[in-house]
Amino acid sequence: MSIFHEIEKVKELQGLRKNETNDIFDRLAYILPSDLVLVDFFNLRPRVAFNPGAMLRGDKLYLFPRVVIDYWFYASCIGMYTLDIERLIEERKYDKPINVKVLIYPQRLYEFKGCEDACICEVERTTYVLYSGRGFELIDHDHEIYEEKVFEVVATLDEGFNVNRLGYLKIMTENGIFIPLSFKNCVFIKREGKYMTALLRPEVNRKRVCWKGIVDLESLTIDEDTMEIVIPFEDFERKVGWSTNPIKLSSNELLVGWHGVVKYDNSYRFGLAVVDDDGNLLAISNYLLATKGVQEEYGARPLTLFPRGLVKYKEFLIVTSGVGDYHTGIFITEFDKAMEQLKWIKG
C-alpha cells in the first residue's frame, strides 16, 4: 500500500497512550557548553551542545552531541567525548574541561546547514551513526533551483571512530523516489544481508509519526511496501518520533525511546517502547520524562527534553538528552522500575 494511503490510518491507530507523565528519572548530571573544549577546532568552547547519542564501552560512556560554535549561521557538527560512568553514578561528578573531538561536520549539500542529533546503533558488530542532515536538494539542474530539507543520513564508524560516509535515505514509491521535506530520528535494529530493518520517521502528508520499514543498505532506499505505522500521535499531540538507539532485551525484543510534542504547551516529552526485531510494537509507556524547573524548562527551545541515547548499566537505565536546545542532561532510573511502566500489547 502507498505510504500516502497508510498515513490516513493514524486516527484508527490512536488510543494506546494517555496524556499522563510519571517522571521516574533522577537528574544525574548537567553538562554545559562551557564545560567542553573542541580540541581539533582551535580549542574553542561551543555556544551550545545538546541532543547527544550515546554508546557504552566497558566503564566509558561515549556521548555524541550536536555542537554549534556560533548562532550567526547555526551550522552544527557532531562531536564525541567520554565520561567515566562509575564516577558519574557514584559521585555525580566529571572532570572539566571535557575534550571533544569533532566527528562529523557539514561536507555535503544535503548537510550544508548542519549535522544534527546523532543516534548510535550497533548492529551485527557494525556501529552506525544516523543523524539529521539539514541541507538542500537540487531539484532543477537547468535553473539551479534548490529545496531545503532535513535528510536522514547514515554513516558507519570503524574501531578507531573514523567515519565512513554512506549517504541519505530515500523512499521508493510507485511514482519514483520520494525524499520527504523532513526525514529524521531513524533507528537501525536488525540486519539480514544487505537489508536493514529500521524504525523510521519521515514526514508524509504533513504528518509526523513513527514508522518501520526495510532499508537496502547498498542503495539506501526503502520500498514503501515495507513501511507501516508503528506509533501514531495521539489527539493531545502535534507529532511523535523515535528518539534513541535500541537496547536488546531478548533474542526478539528491543527497548527503544520515543518522544511526543504535546499540543497545549508545545513541550517535548519522552517515553519507552518495546518492539520486536521486525519493528512491530509489543509494549509502550506513557510519558516518563519531562522538563522540571528553570534549568530544564528554559533554553533556546523552551520545555524541551530530546533524548538520543539509551544505555543499560548494571541495574540502571540511563538516558542522555538535550535540554532546551542548549545543554546536555543525563538521567537515571532503575531498569526494573522503567520496565514496570510499560503496557504490553503483544507478547
Protein backbone atom coordinates (compact mmCIF):
# COMPACT_ATOMS: atom_id res chain seq x y z
CA MET A 1 0.00 0.00 0.00
CA SER A 2 1.15 3.55 -0.73
CA ILE A 3 2.52 5.40 2.30
CA PHE A 4 0.22 8.29 1.37
CA HIS A 5 -2.74 5.98 1.97
CA GLU A 6 -1.15 4.36 5.04
CA ILE A 7 -0.78 7.73 6.79
CA GLU A 8 -4.56 8.15 6.73
CA LYS A 9 -4.80 5.28 9.25
CA VAL A 10 -3.50 7.47 12.09
CA LYS A 11 -6.92 8.07 13.61
CA GLU A 12 -7.82 4.38 13.81
CA LEU A 13 -4.46 3.53 15.42
CA GLN A 14 -4.79 6.08 18.24
CA GLY A 15 -5.76 5.29 21.83
CA LEU A 16 -2.78 3.32 23.16
CA ARG A 17 -1.49 6.14 25.39
CA LYS A 18 -2.80 8.76 27.80
CA ASN A 19 -1.67 12.33 28.35
CA GLU A 20 -0.01 11.41 31.63
CA THR A 21 3.57 11.91 32.82
CA ASN A 22 5.15 9.76 35.52
CA ASP A 23 8.68 11.15 35.68
CA ILE A 24 10.67 8.21 37.07
CA PHE A 25 14.15 9.56 36.30
CA ASP A 26 16.65 11.15 38.69
CA ARG A 27 18.81 14.01 37.43
CA LEU A 28 22.35 12.59 37.35
CA ALA A 29 24.27 15.46 35.72
CA TYR A 30 24.02 18.52 33.51
CA ILE A 31 26.87 19.13 31.07
CA LEU A 32 27.11 22.74 29.95
CA PRO A 33 28.65 24.05 26.71
CA SER A 34 31.22 25.88 28.84
CA ASP A 35 32.40 22.50 30.17
CA LEU A 36 33.52 21.45 26.67
CA VAL A 37 36.60 22.20 24.55
CA LEU A 38 36.74 21.38 20.83
CA VAL A 39 40.32 20.08 20.78
CA ASP A 40 40.58 19.84 16.98
CA PHE A 41 38.89 23.19 16.33
CA PHE A 42 41.15 25.84 17.88
CA ASN A 43 40.29 24.65 21.42
CA LEU A 44 37.10 26.68 21.23
CA ARG A 45 34.22 26.28 23.66
CA PRO A 46 30.91 25.81 21.85
CA ARG A 47 27.92 28.11 22.18
CA VAL A 48 25.58 25.13 22.65
CA ALA A 49 25.96 21.33 22.84
CA PHE A 50 22.89 19.13 23.18
CA ASN A 51 20.90 16.09 21.91
CA PRO A 52 23.72 13.56 22.36
CA GLY A 53 23.56 9.99 21.16
CA ALA A 54 25.31 7.50 23.45
CA MET A 55 27.25 4.25 23.44
CA LEU A 56 28.74 2.22 26.29
CA ARG A 57 32.22 0.64 26.13
CA GLY A 58 33.15 -1.02 29.42
CA ASP A 59 33.06 1.74 32.02
CA LYS A 60 33.24 4.53 29.43
CA LEU A 61 30.11 6.33 28.34
CA TYR A 62 30.59 7.83 24.87
CA LEU A 63 28.44 10.85 24.04
CA PHE A 64 27.88 12.31 20.58
CA PRO A 65 26.34 15.79 20.99
CA ARG A 66 25.12 18.26 18.41
CA VAL A 67 27.54 21.20 18.70
CA VAL A 68 27.18 24.76 17.46
CA ILE A 69 30.07 27.23 17.62
CA ASP A 70 28.14 30.35 16.60
CA TYR A 71 24.49 31.32 16.25
CA TRP A 72 25.00 33.57 13.22
CA PHE A 73 24.52 30.69 10.77
CA TYR A 74 23.82 27.94 13.33
CA ALA A 75 25.70 25.29 11.33
CA SER A 76 26.10 22.33 13.67
CA CYS A 77 28.53 19.43 13.84
CA ILE A 78 28.51 16.16 15.79
CA GLY A 79 31.16 15.81 18.45
CA MET A 80 32.32 12.91 20.63
CA TYR A 81 33.59 12.68 24.19
CA THR A 82 33.70 10.15 27.03
CA LEU A 83 32.76 10.09 30.71
CA ASP A 84 33.61 7.61 33.45
CA ILE A 85 30.22 6.07 34.10
CA GLU A 86 31.08 4.68 37.56
CA ARG A 87 32.22 8.07 38.84
CA LEU A 88 29.21 9.72 37.25
CA ILE A 89 26.81 7.40 39.08
CA GLU A 90 28.64 7.20 42.41
CA GLU A 91 29.87 10.80 42.75
CA ARG A 92 27.71 12.63 40.21
CA LYS A 93 30.89 14.32 39.02
CA TYR A 94 33.05 14.50 35.90
CA ASP A 95 36.39 16.11 35.11
CA LYS A 96 36.43 19.53 33.43
CA PRO A 97 37.13 20.63 30.82
CA ILE A 98 35.86 17.77 28.66
CA ASN A 99 37.83 17.32 25.45
CA VAL A 100 35.53 16.94 22.44
CA LYS A 101 36.50 15.54 19.06
CA VAL A 102 34.68 16.91 16.01
CA LEU A 103 33.43 13.68 14.48
CA ILE A 104 31.05 14.72 11.67
CA TYR A 105 30.67 18.19 10.17
CA PRO A 106 28.99 19.67 7.07
CA GLN A 107 30.73 18.46 3.92
CA ARG A 108 27.85 17.75 1.52
CA LEU A 109 24.99 19.74 0.02
CA TYR A 110 22.48 17.66 1.97
CA GLU A 111 24.05 18.71 5.29
CA PHE A 112 25.26 22.17 4.36
CA LYS A 113 23.34 23.88 7.19
CA GLY A 114 24.28 21.35 9.82
CA CYS A 115 24.72 17.81 11.11
CA GLU A 116 22.32 17.16 13.97
CA ASP A 117 21.11 14.71 16.60
CA ALA A 118 23.19 11.57 16.14
CA CYS A 119 21.75 8.19 17.14
CA ILE A 120 24.33 5.43 17.59
CA CYS A 121 23.08 1.97 16.57
CA GLU A 122 25.25 -1.14 16.90
CA VAL A 123 24.01 -3.96 14.66
CA GLU A 124 25.96 -7.11 13.71
CA ARG A 125 29.26 -5.70 15.08
CA THR A 126 28.91 -2.55 12.97
CA THR A 127 28.44 0.88 14.53
CA TYR A 128 26.06 3.08 12.55
CA VAL A 129 25.60 6.80 13.06
CA LEU A 130 22.17 8.01 11.98
CA TYR A 131 21.84 11.78 12.02
CA SER A 132 19.87 14.64 10.53
CA GLY A 133 21.49 16.50 7.65
CA ARG A 134 19.97 19.95 7.29
CA GLY A 135 20.68 20.99 3.72
CA PHE A 136 19.45 21.23 0.16
CA GLU A 137 18.28 19.03 -2.70
CA LEU A 138 18.97 20.28 -6.24
CA ILE A 139 15.58 19.78 -7.87
CA ASP A 140 16.14 21.65 -11.15
CA HIS A 141 19.64 21.42 -12.62
CA ASP A 142 18.91 23.73 -15.57
CA HIS A 143 17.63 26.60 -13.44
CA GLU A 144 19.67 25.75 -10.31
CA ILE A 145 16.64 25.52 -8.06
CA TYR A 146 17.24 24.07 -4.60
CA GLU A 147 14.80 22.87 -1.97
CA GLU A 148 15.71 22.97 1.70
CA LYS A 149 15.11 19.66 3.50
CA VAL A 150 16.14 17.59 6.50
CA PHE A 151 17.75 14.35 5.34
CA GLU A 152 18.27 11.15 7.34
CA VAL A 153 21.98 10.46 6.86
CA VAL A 154 23.65 7.09 7.50
CA ALA A 155 27.36 6.71 8.27
CA THR A 156 29.46 3.95 9.82
CA LEU A 157 32.26 4.13 12.38
CA ASP A 158 35.32 1.89 12.32
CA GLU A 159 37.04 0.76 15.53
CA GLY A 160 39.06 3.98 15.63
CA PHE A 161 35.89 6.08 15.36
CA ASN A 162 36.71 7.13 11.83
CA VAL A 163 33.61 7.89 9.79
CA ASN A 164 32.76 6.18 6.52
CA ARG A 165 30.10 8.23 4.78
CA LEU A 166 27.29 6.37 3.06
CA GLY A 167 24.58 8.87 2.14
CA TYR A 168 20.96 9.58 2.97
CA LEU A 169 17.75 7.53 2.99
CA LYS A 170 15.19 7.69 0.17
CA ILE A 171 11.75 6.09 -0.21
CA MET A 172 10.83 4.20 -3.36
CA THR A 173 7.17 4.79 -4.23
CA GLU A 174 5.01 3.77 -7.18
CA ASN A 175 5.75 7.22 -8.62
CA GLY A 176 9.52 7.10 -8.11
CA ILE A 177 11.92 8.31 -5.44
CA PHE A 178 10.38 10.33 -2.61
CA ILE A 179 12.57 12.43 -0.33
CA PRO A 180 10.39 13.95 2.42
CA LEU A 181 10.83 17.56 3.47
CA SER A 182 11.74 16.15 6.89
CA PHE A 183 13.18 12.65 7.35
CA LYS A 184 14.87 12.11 10.72
CA ASN A 185 15.06 10.23 14.06
CA CYS A 186 15.56 6.78 12.49
CA VAL A 187 16.89 3.67 14.27
CA PHE A 188 18.52 0.51 12.88
CA ILE A 189 17.51 -2.73 14.62
CA LYS A 190 18.22 -5.86 12.52
CA ARG A 191 20.43 -6.67 9.53
CA GLU A 192 19.92 -9.53 7.09
CA GLY A 193 22.47 -9.40 4.28
CA LYS A 194 22.17 -6.05 2.55
CA TYR A 195 18.83 -5.27 4.19
CA MET A 196 18.29 -3.48 7.49
CA THR A 197 15.05 -3.42 9.45
CA ALA A 198 14.65 0.15 10.67
CA LEU A 199 12.40 2.38 12.71
CA LEU A 200 11.68 5.44 10.57
CA ARG A 201 10.25 8.94 10.95
CA PRO A 202 9.50 10.51 7.54
CA GLU A 203 7.07 13.39 7.16
CA VAL A 204 4.19 12.18 4.99
CA ASN A 205 1.29 14.46 4.08
CA ARG A 206 2.49 16.91 6.78
CA LYS A 207 2.09 14.23 9.46
CA ARG A 208 4.97 13.01 11.64
CA VAL A 209 4.53 9.56 13.19
CA CYS A 210 6.70 6.52 13.96
CA TRP A 211 7.08 4.03 11.11
CA LYS A 212 9.02 0.85 10.41
CA GLY A 213 10.48 -0.32 7.11
CA ILE A 214 13.34 -2.16 5.41
CA VAL A 215 16.39 -0.30 4.12
CA ASP A 216 18.52 -1.52 1.22
CA LEU A 217 21.97 -0.65 2.59
CA GLU A 218 23.56 -0.57 -0.86
CA SER A 219 21.20 2.00 -2.36
CA LEU A 220 19.89 3.41 0.96
CA THR A 221 16.37 3.09 -0.42
CA ILE A 222 13.21 1.92 1.36
CA ASP A 223 10.43 0.23 -0.62
CA GLU A 224 7.19 1.85 0.52
CA ASP A 225 5.53 -1.61 0.52
CA THR A 226 7.71 -2.50 3.56
CA MET A 227 6.57 0.54 5.56
CA GLU A 228 3.93 0.53 8.30
CA ILE A 229 2.96 2.98 11.05
CA VAL A 230 4.08 1.73 14.49
CA ILE A 231 3.21 4.62 16.86
CA PRO A 232 0.74 7.34 15.86
CA PHE A 233 0.45 10.72 17.54
CA GLU A 234 -2.50 10.96 19.91
CA ASP A 235 -5.20 13.65 19.91
CA PHE A 236 -3.24 15.62 22.54
CA GLU A 237 -0.03 15.64 20.45
CA ARG A 238 1.30 17.51 17.43
CA LYS A 239 3.72 14.75 16.46
CA VAL A 240 5.73 11.76 17.66
CA GLY A 241 9.11 10.34 16.68
CA TRP A 242 11.71 7.77 17.63
CA SER A 243 14.37 9.10 19.99
CA THR A 244 17.08 6.61 20.96
CA ASN A 245 19.14 3.63 19.99
CA PRO A 246 17.67 0.23 20.90
CA ILE A 247 18.68 -1.96 23.85
CA LYS A 248 18.38 -5.69 23.27
CA LEU A 249 16.19 -7.32 25.93
CA SER A 250 15.98 -10.82 24.42
CA SER A 251 16.50 -12.55 21.10
CA ASN A 252 13.41 -10.82 19.72
CA GLU A 253 12.71 -7.82 21.96
CA LEU A 254 14.29 -4.37 21.91
CA LEU A 255 13.73 -1.39 24.21
CA VAL A 256 13.73 1.99 22.45
CA GLY A 257 12.88 5.58 23.34
CA TRP A 258 10.33 7.80 21.61
CA HIS A 259 9.20 11.40 22.02
CA GLY A 260 5.95 13.31 21.66
CA VAL A 261 5.19 17.01 21.40
CA VAL A 262 2.17 17.99 23.49
CA LYS A 263 -0.27 20.45 21.91
CA TYR A 264 -1.26 22.50 24.93
CA ASP A 265 2.25 23.70 25.88
CA ASN A 266 4.37 22.59 22.87
CA SER A 267 6.64 20.62 25.21
CA TYR A 268 8.77 17.62 24.23
CA ARG A 269 8.27 14.57 26.46
CA PHE A 270 9.86 11.11 26.47
CA GLY A 271 8.62 7.56 26.77
CA LEU A 272 9.73 3.98 26.19
CA ALA A 273 8.53 1.20 23.92
CA VAL A 274 9.40 -2.41 23.18
CA VAL A 275 9.48 -3.64 19.58
CA ASP A 276 10.35 -7.00 18.10
CA ASP A 277 13.20 -7.28 15.61
CA ASP A 278 10.75 -6.75 12.74
CA GLY A 279 9.77 -3.39 14.24
CA ASN A 280 6.33 -4.43 15.49
CA LEU A 281 5.13 -2.73 18.67
CA LEU A 282 4.99 -5.05 21.69
CA ALA A 283 4.67 -2.58 24.59
CA ILE A 284 4.59 1.17 25.23
CA SER A 285 4.56 3.59 28.17
CA ASN A 286 3.01 6.98 28.73
CA TYR A 287 5.48 9.85 29.23
CA LEU A 288 8.29 9.01 31.64
CA LEU A 289 10.44 12.13 31.41
CA ALA A 290 9.57 15.82 31.10
CA THR A 291 11.18 19.14 31.94
CA LYS A 292 11.36 20.26 35.59
CA GLY A 293 12.48 23.66 36.89
CA VAL A 294 14.25 26.57 35.26
CA GLN A 295 17.40 24.56 34.39
CA GLU A 296 15.33 22.34 32.11
CA GLU A 297 12.31 24.44 31.17
CA TYR A 298 14.27 27.47 29.91
CA GLY A 299 16.56 27.39 26.89
CA ALA A 300 16.86 28.25 23.22
CA ARG A 301 13.82 25.99 22.74
CA PRO A 302 11.80 26.05 26.00
CA LEU A 303 10.18 22.96 27.57
CA THR A 304 12.38 20.61 25.59
CA LEU A 305 13.99 17.32 26.56
CA PHE A 306 15.18 15.44 23.50
CA PRO A 307 16.89 12.13 24.39
CA ARG A 308 19.09 10.46 21.76
CA GLY A 309 21.00 7.92 23.89
CA LEU A 310 19.80 4.94 25.95
CA VAL A 311 22.17 2.61 27.83
CA LYS A 312 21.75 -0.12 30.41
CA TYR A 313 24.50 -0.28 33.03
CA LYS A 314 24.22 -2.79 35.87
CA GLU A 315 20.74 -2.31 37.36
CA PHE A 316 20.33 1.17 35.83
CA LEU A 317 18.77 2.64 32.72
CA ILE A 318 20.49 5.86 31.62
CA VAL A 319 19.16 8.42 29.17
CA THR A 320 21.32 11.10 27.53
CA SER A 321 19.26 14.06 26.42
CA GLY A 322 19.35 17.52 25.01
CA VAL A 323 17.89 20.16 27.34
CA GLY A 324 16.37 23.32 25.93
CA ASP A 325 18.45 23.04 22.74
CA TYR A 326 21.30 24.34 24.90
CA HIS A 327 22.95 21.77 27.18
CA THR A 328 23.01 18.04 27.96
CA GLY A 329 21.19 16.24 30.73
CA ILE A 330 21.96 12.73 31.93
CA PHE A 331 19.04 10.97 33.60
CA ILE A 332 18.97 7.68 35.51
CA THR A 333 16.42 5.24 36.87
CA GLU A 334 16.33 1.61 37.91
CA PHE A 335 15.87 -0.63 34.87
CA ASP A 336 13.13 -2.70 36.53
CA LYS A 337 11.27 0.47 37.51
CA ALA A 338 11.26 1.59 33.88
CA MET A 339 10.02 -1.79 32.64
CA GLU A 340 7.11 -1.65 35.11
CA GLN A 341 5.79 1.41 33.27
CA LEU A 342 5.21 -0.49 30.01
CA LYS A 343 1.76 -1.52 28.85
CA TRP A 344 2.12 -4.79 26.92
CA ILE A 345 0.15 -5.07 23.70
CA LYS A 346 1.63 -8.29 22.34
CA GLY A 347 3.95 -10.97 23.67
